[in-house]
N, C-alpha and C. Protein backbone atom coordinates (compact mmCIF):
# COMPACT_ATOMS: atom_id res chain seq x y z
N MET A 1 0.85 -1.18 0.00
CA MET A 1 0.00 0.00 0.00
C MET A 1 0.89 1.24 0.00
N GLU A 2 0.40 2.30 -0.57
CA GLU A 2 1.13 3.57 -0.67
C GLU A 2 1.53 4.09 0.71
N ASN A 3 2.69 4.76 0.80
CA ASN A 3 3.13 5.35 2.05
C ASN A 3 2.31 6.59 2.36
N PHE A 4 1.89 6.71 3.61
CA PHE A 4 1.14 7.85 4.08
C PHE A 4 2.01 8.66 5.03
N PRO A 5 1.67 9.91 5.26
CA PRO A 5 2.43 10.71 6.22
C PRO A 5 2.44 10.04 7.60
N GLU A 6 3.45 10.35 8.38
CA GLU A 6 3.56 9.79 9.73
C GLU A 6 2.27 10.02 10.50
N GLY A 7 1.81 8.97 11.16
CA GLY A 7 0.59 9.07 11.97
C GLY A 7 -0.69 8.86 11.19
N LYS A 8 -0.59 8.55 9.90
CA LYS A 8 -1.78 8.31 9.06
C LYS A 8 -1.71 6.89 8.51
N PHE A 9 -2.87 6.29 8.29
CA PHE A 9 -2.92 4.94 7.74
C PHE A 9 -4.27 4.73 7.07
N LEU A 10 -4.26 4.03 5.96
CA LEU A 10 -5.48 3.71 5.25
C LEU A 10 -5.35 2.28 4.74
N ALA A 11 -6.37 1.48 4.96
CA ALA A 11 -6.36 0.10 4.49
C ALA A 11 -7.80 -0.37 4.30
N THR A 12 -7.95 -1.44 3.59
CA THR A 12 -9.24 -2.10 3.45
C THR A 12 -9.23 -3.30 4.38
N VAL A 13 -10.31 -3.48 5.14
CA VAL A 13 -10.45 -4.66 5.98
C VAL A 13 -11.72 -5.38 5.56
N LYS A 14 -11.73 -6.69 5.71
CA LYS A 14 -12.91 -7.49 5.36
C LYS A 14 -13.60 -7.95 6.63
N ILE A 15 -14.91 -8.00 6.57
CA ILE A 15 -15.69 -8.52 7.68
C ILE A 15 -15.78 -10.03 7.51
N GLY A 16 -15.35 -10.75 8.56
CA GLY A 16 -15.36 -12.20 8.53
C GLY A 16 -16.76 -12.76 8.77
N PRO A 17 -16.90 -14.09 8.69
CA PRO A 17 -18.21 -14.72 8.83
C PRO A 17 -18.87 -14.47 10.19
N LYS A 18 -18.08 -14.15 11.21
CA LYS A 18 -18.64 -13.88 12.53
C LYS A 18 -18.77 -12.37 12.79
N GLY A 19 -18.62 -11.56 11.73
CA GLY A 19 -18.75 -10.11 11.87
C GLY A 19 -17.49 -9.44 12.40
N GLN A 20 -16.37 -10.14 12.41
CA GLN A 20 -15.13 -9.60 12.95
C GLN A 20 -14.28 -8.96 11.87
N ILE A 21 -13.49 -7.96 12.28
CA ILE A 21 -12.49 -7.38 11.40
C ILE A 21 -11.14 -7.51 12.09
N VAL A 22 -10.07 -7.48 11.31
CA VAL A 22 -8.73 -7.48 11.86
C VAL A 22 -8.19 -6.06 11.72
N ILE A 23 -7.76 -5.49 12.84
CA ILE A 23 -7.13 -4.17 12.80
C ILE A 23 -5.68 -4.39 12.38
N PRO A 24 -5.24 -3.77 11.29
CA PRO A 24 -3.88 -4.01 10.79
C PRO A 24 -2.82 -3.75 11.86
N LYS A 25 -1.75 -4.53 11.82
CA LYS A 25 -0.66 -4.43 12.80
C LYS A 25 -0.13 -3.01 12.90
N GLU A 26 0.00 -2.33 11.75
CA GLU A 26 0.51 -0.95 11.77
C GLU A 26 -0.36 -0.04 12.64
N VAL A 27 -1.66 -0.24 12.57
CA VAL A 27 -2.59 0.57 13.36
C VAL A 27 -2.52 0.16 14.83
N ARG A 28 -2.46 -1.15 15.09
CA ARG A 28 -2.33 -1.60 16.48
C ARG A 28 -1.07 -1.04 17.11
N ASP A 29 0.03 -1.05 16.36
CA ASP A 29 1.28 -0.48 16.87
C ASP A 29 1.16 1.03 17.06
N MET A 30 0.55 1.71 16.10
CA MET A 30 0.41 3.16 16.15
C MET A 30 -0.32 3.61 17.42
N PHE A 31 -1.33 2.84 17.83
CA PHE A 31 -2.15 3.21 18.98
C PHE A 31 -1.91 2.34 20.20
N SER A 32 -0.85 1.54 20.17
CA SER A 32 -0.49 0.66 21.30
C SER A 32 -1.67 -0.21 21.72
N LEU A 33 -2.36 -0.79 20.73
CA LEU A 33 -3.48 -1.68 21.00
C LEU A 33 -2.95 -3.11 21.12
N ASN A 34 -3.45 -3.82 22.12
CA ASN A 34 -3.01 -5.19 22.37
C ASN A 34 -4.21 -6.12 22.42
N SER A 35 -3.95 -7.40 22.25
CA SER A 35 -4.99 -8.40 22.36
C SER A 35 -5.68 -8.26 23.71
N GLY A 36 -6.99 -8.25 23.71
CA GLY A 36 -7.75 -8.13 24.95
C GLY A 36 -8.12 -6.70 25.31
N ASP A 37 -7.55 -5.70 24.63
CA ASP A 37 -7.93 -4.30 24.90
C ASP A 37 -9.39 -4.10 24.51
N SER A 38 -10.06 -3.21 25.22
CA SER A 38 -11.46 -2.90 24.91
C SER A 38 -11.54 -1.65 24.05
N LEU A 39 -12.37 -1.73 23.03
CA LEU A 39 -12.66 -0.58 22.17
C LEU A 39 -14.16 -0.33 22.23
N VAL A 40 -14.54 0.91 22.05
CA VAL A 40 -15.95 1.27 21.97
C VAL A 40 -16.25 1.55 20.50
N LEU A 41 -17.30 0.95 19.98
CA LEU A 41 -17.71 1.18 18.61
C LEU A 41 -18.82 2.20 18.61
N MET A 42 -18.65 3.26 17.82
CA MET A 42 -19.68 4.29 17.69
C MET A 42 -20.11 4.31 16.22
N ALA A 43 -21.38 4.39 15.97
CA ALA A 43 -21.88 4.38 14.60
C ALA A 43 -22.93 5.46 14.40
N ASP A 44 -22.86 6.08 13.25
CA ASP A 44 -23.80 7.13 12.86
C ASP A 44 -24.02 6.96 11.36
N LYS A 45 -25.26 6.80 10.94
CA LYS A 45 -25.54 6.57 9.51
C LYS A 45 -24.95 7.64 8.61
N GLY A 46 -24.93 8.87 9.05
CA GLY A 46 -24.41 9.96 8.23
C GLY A 46 -22.91 10.15 8.34
N GLN A 47 -22.30 9.74 9.46
CA GLN A 47 -20.88 10.00 9.70
C GLN A 47 -20.00 8.78 9.51
N GLY A 48 -20.53 7.58 9.70
CA GLY A 48 -19.72 6.38 9.56
C GLY A 48 -19.53 5.68 10.89
N ILE A 49 -18.46 4.89 10.95
CA ILE A 49 -18.16 4.06 12.13
C ILE A 49 -16.82 4.49 12.69
N ALA A 50 -16.73 4.58 14.01
CA ALA A 50 -15.47 4.92 14.67
C ALA A 50 -15.21 3.91 15.78
N LEU A 51 -13.95 3.55 15.96
CA LEU A 51 -13.53 2.73 17.09
C LEU A 51 -12.70 3.62 18.00
N GLN A 52 -13.01 3.59 19.27
CA GLN A 52 -12.35 4.45 20.24
C GLN A 52 -11.88 3.59 21.41
N PRO A 53 -10.62 3.77 21.85
CA PRO A 53 -10.19 3.01 23.03
C PRO A 53 -11.12 3.31 24.21
N PHE A 54 -11.43 2.27 24.98
CA PHE A 54 -12.33 2.42 26.12
C PHE A 54 -11.81 3.46 27.10
N SER A 55 -10.50 3.57 27.26
CA SER A 55 -9.93 4.52 28.21
C SER A 55 -10.34 5.96 27.90
N TYR A 56 -10.42 6.32 26.62
CA TYR A 56 -10.86 7.67 26.25
C TYR A 56 -12.31 7.89 26.63
N VAL A 57 -13.16 6.94 26.31
CA VAL A 57 -14.58 7.07 26.60
C VAL A 57 -14.79 7.10 28.11
N GLU A 58 -14.02 6.28 28.83
CA GLU A 58 -14.13 6.26 30.29
C GLU A 58 -13.74 7.62 30.88
N SER A 59 -12.65 8.23 30.39
CA SER A 59 -12.24 9.54 30.90
C SER A 59 -13.27 10.61 30.54
N PHE A 60 -13.85 10.52 29.35
CA PHE A 60 -14.90 11.46 28.95
C PHE A 60 -16.12 11.32 29.87
N TRP A 61 -16.53 10.08 30.11
CA TRP A 61 -17.69 9.83 30.97
C TRP A 61 -17.44 10.35 32.38
N ASN A 62 -16.22 10.12 32.91
CA ASN A 62 -15.88 10.63 34.23
C ASN A 62 -15.93 12.15 34.27
N ALA A 63 -15.46 12.81 33.21
CA ALA A 63 -15.50 14.27 33.14
C ALA A 63 -16.93 14.77 33.14
N VAL A 64 -17.81 14.09 32.42
CA VAL A 64 -19.22 14.48 32.40
C VAL A 64 -19.81 14.35 33.80
N ASN A 65 -19.51 13.26 34.47
CA ASN A 65 -20.03 13.07 35.83
C ASN A 65 -19.47 14.10 36.80
N HIS A 66 -18.17 14.42 36.68
CA HIS A 66 -17.58 15.45 37.55
C HIS A 66 -18.23 16.80 37.27
N ALA A 67 -18.46 17.12 36.01
CA ALA A 67 -19.09 18.40 35.65
C ALA A 67 -20.51 18.45 36.20
N LYS A 68 -21.19 17.35 36.09
CA LYS A 68 -22.57 17.27 36.58
C LYS A 68 -22.61 17.51 38.09
N ASN A 69 -21.56 17.04 38.77
CA ASN A 69 -21.50 17.20 40.23
C ASN A 69 -20.79 18.48 40.65
N GLY A 70 -20.42 19.35 39.69
CA GLY A 70 -19.81 20.63 40.02
C GLY A 70 -18.33 20.56 40.34
N ASP A 71 -17.63 19.51 39.92
CA ASP A 71 -16.19 19.37 40.18
C ASP A 71 -15.42 20.07 39.08
N GLU A 72 -15.14 21.36 39.25
CA GLU A 72 -14.50 22.19 38.22
C GLU A 72 -13.12 21.68 37.81
N GLU A 73 -12.32 21.19 38.75
CA GLU A 73 -10.96 20.75 38.43
C GLU A 73 -10.97 19.63 37.39
N HIS A 74 -11.79 18.61 37.59
CA HIS A 74 -11.84 17.49 36.66
C HIS A 74 -12.53 17.87 35.36
N LYS A 75 -13.53 18.75 35.44
CA LYS A 75 -14.26 19.14 34.24
C LYS A 75 -13.32 19.81 33.23
N ILE A 76 -12.50 20.72 33.67
CA ILE A 76 -11.60 21.44 32.77
C ILE A 76 -10.51 20.52 32.25
N CYS A 77 -9.92 19.73 33.12
CA CYS A 77 -8.79 18.87 32.75
C CYS A 77 -9.21 17.79 31.75
N ALA A 78 -10.24 17.04 32.05
CA ALA A 78 -10.59 15.88 31.24
C ALA A 78 -11.32 16.25 29.96
N CYS A 79 -12.04 17.37 29.93
CA CYS A 79 -12.81 17.72 28.74
C CYS A 79 -11.99 18.52 27.73
N SER A 80 -10.75 18.88 28.05
CA SER A 80 -9.98 19.73 27.15
C SER A 80 -9.40 18.96 25.97
N ARG A 81 -9.51 17.64 25.96
CA ARG A 81 -8.96 16.82 24.89
C ARG A 81 -10.01 16.58 23.83
N PRO A 82 -9.88 17.20 22.66
CA PRO A 82 -10.91 17.03 21.63
C PRO A 82 -10.90 15.63 21.02
N PHE A 83 -12.07 15.19 20.60
CA PHE A 83 -12.23 13.87 20.00
C PHE A 83 -11.30 13.65 18.83
N ALA A 84 -11.15 14.65 17.98
CA ALA A 84 -10.36 14.49 16.76
C ALA A 84 -8.89 14.24 17.05
N ARG A 85 -8.39 14.66 18.21
CA ARG A 85 -6.98 14.46 18.53
C ARG A 85 -6.74 13.18 19.31
N SER A 86 -7.79 12.46 19.68
CA SER A 86 -7.62 11.24 20.46
C SER A 86 -7.22 10.08 19.56
N LYS A 87 -6.89 8.95 20.20
CA LYS A 87 -6.53 7.75 19.44
C LYS A 87 -7.80 7.16 18.85
N VAL A 88 -7.96 7.28 17.56
CA VAL A 88 -9.18 6.80 16.94
C VAL A 88 -8.88 6.16 15.60
N ALA A 89 -9.51 5.04 15.36
CA ALA A 89 -9.47 4.43 14.04
C ALA A 89 -10.85 4.68 13.45
N HIS A 90 -10.94 5.43 12.39
CA HIS A 90 -12.22 5.85 11.86
C HIS A 90 -12.43 5.24 10.49
N TYR A 91 -13.53 4.53 10.33
CA TYR A 91 -13.88 3.93 9.06
C TYR A 91 -15.20 4.52 8.63
N GLY A 92 -15.14 5.55 7.80
CA GLY A 92 -16.36 6.22 7.36
C GLY A 92 -16.82 5.71 6.02
N ARG A 93 -17.87 6.34 5.53
CA ARG A 93 -18.34 6.01 4.20
C ARG A 93 -17.28 6.39 3.19
N ALA A 94 -17.40 5.84 2.01
CA ALA A 94 -16.37 6.08 0.97
C ALA A 94 -16.24 7.56 0.63
N ASP A 95 -17.31 8.34 0.77
CA ASP A 95 -17.24 9.74 0.43
C ASP A 95 -16.83 10.62 1.61
N LYS A 96 -16.47 10.02 2.72
CA LYS A 96 -16.03 10.76 3.90
C LYS A 96 -14.53 10.55 4.09
N ARG A 97 -13.86 11.54 4.65
CA ARG A 97 -12.44 11.41 4.93
C ARG A 97 -12.26 10.65 6.23
N ALA A 98 -11.30 9.75 6.27
CA ALA A 98 -11.02 8.97 7.49
C ALA A 98 -10.19 9.79 8.44
């Protein structure tokens, strides 16, 4: 496959008979993903499918709970990390940029 800029990767994956996909080794290495790690799958018909490490979603959820409870220190710290800069493998529709 063609070389992409550092930190970028594009590949085709096939869905197996049990609905599974294999995340390419280059991507697993890029995001330090290991066997047994938990990912959260998010899907939106208009936006596509995204896989997000559970640790990011957990920190986001904790920030929401801290904000809800008025904990300003955690709200500012944990919510300052935008989704687009987090470790994400994004598989969108063909007409969307990954």
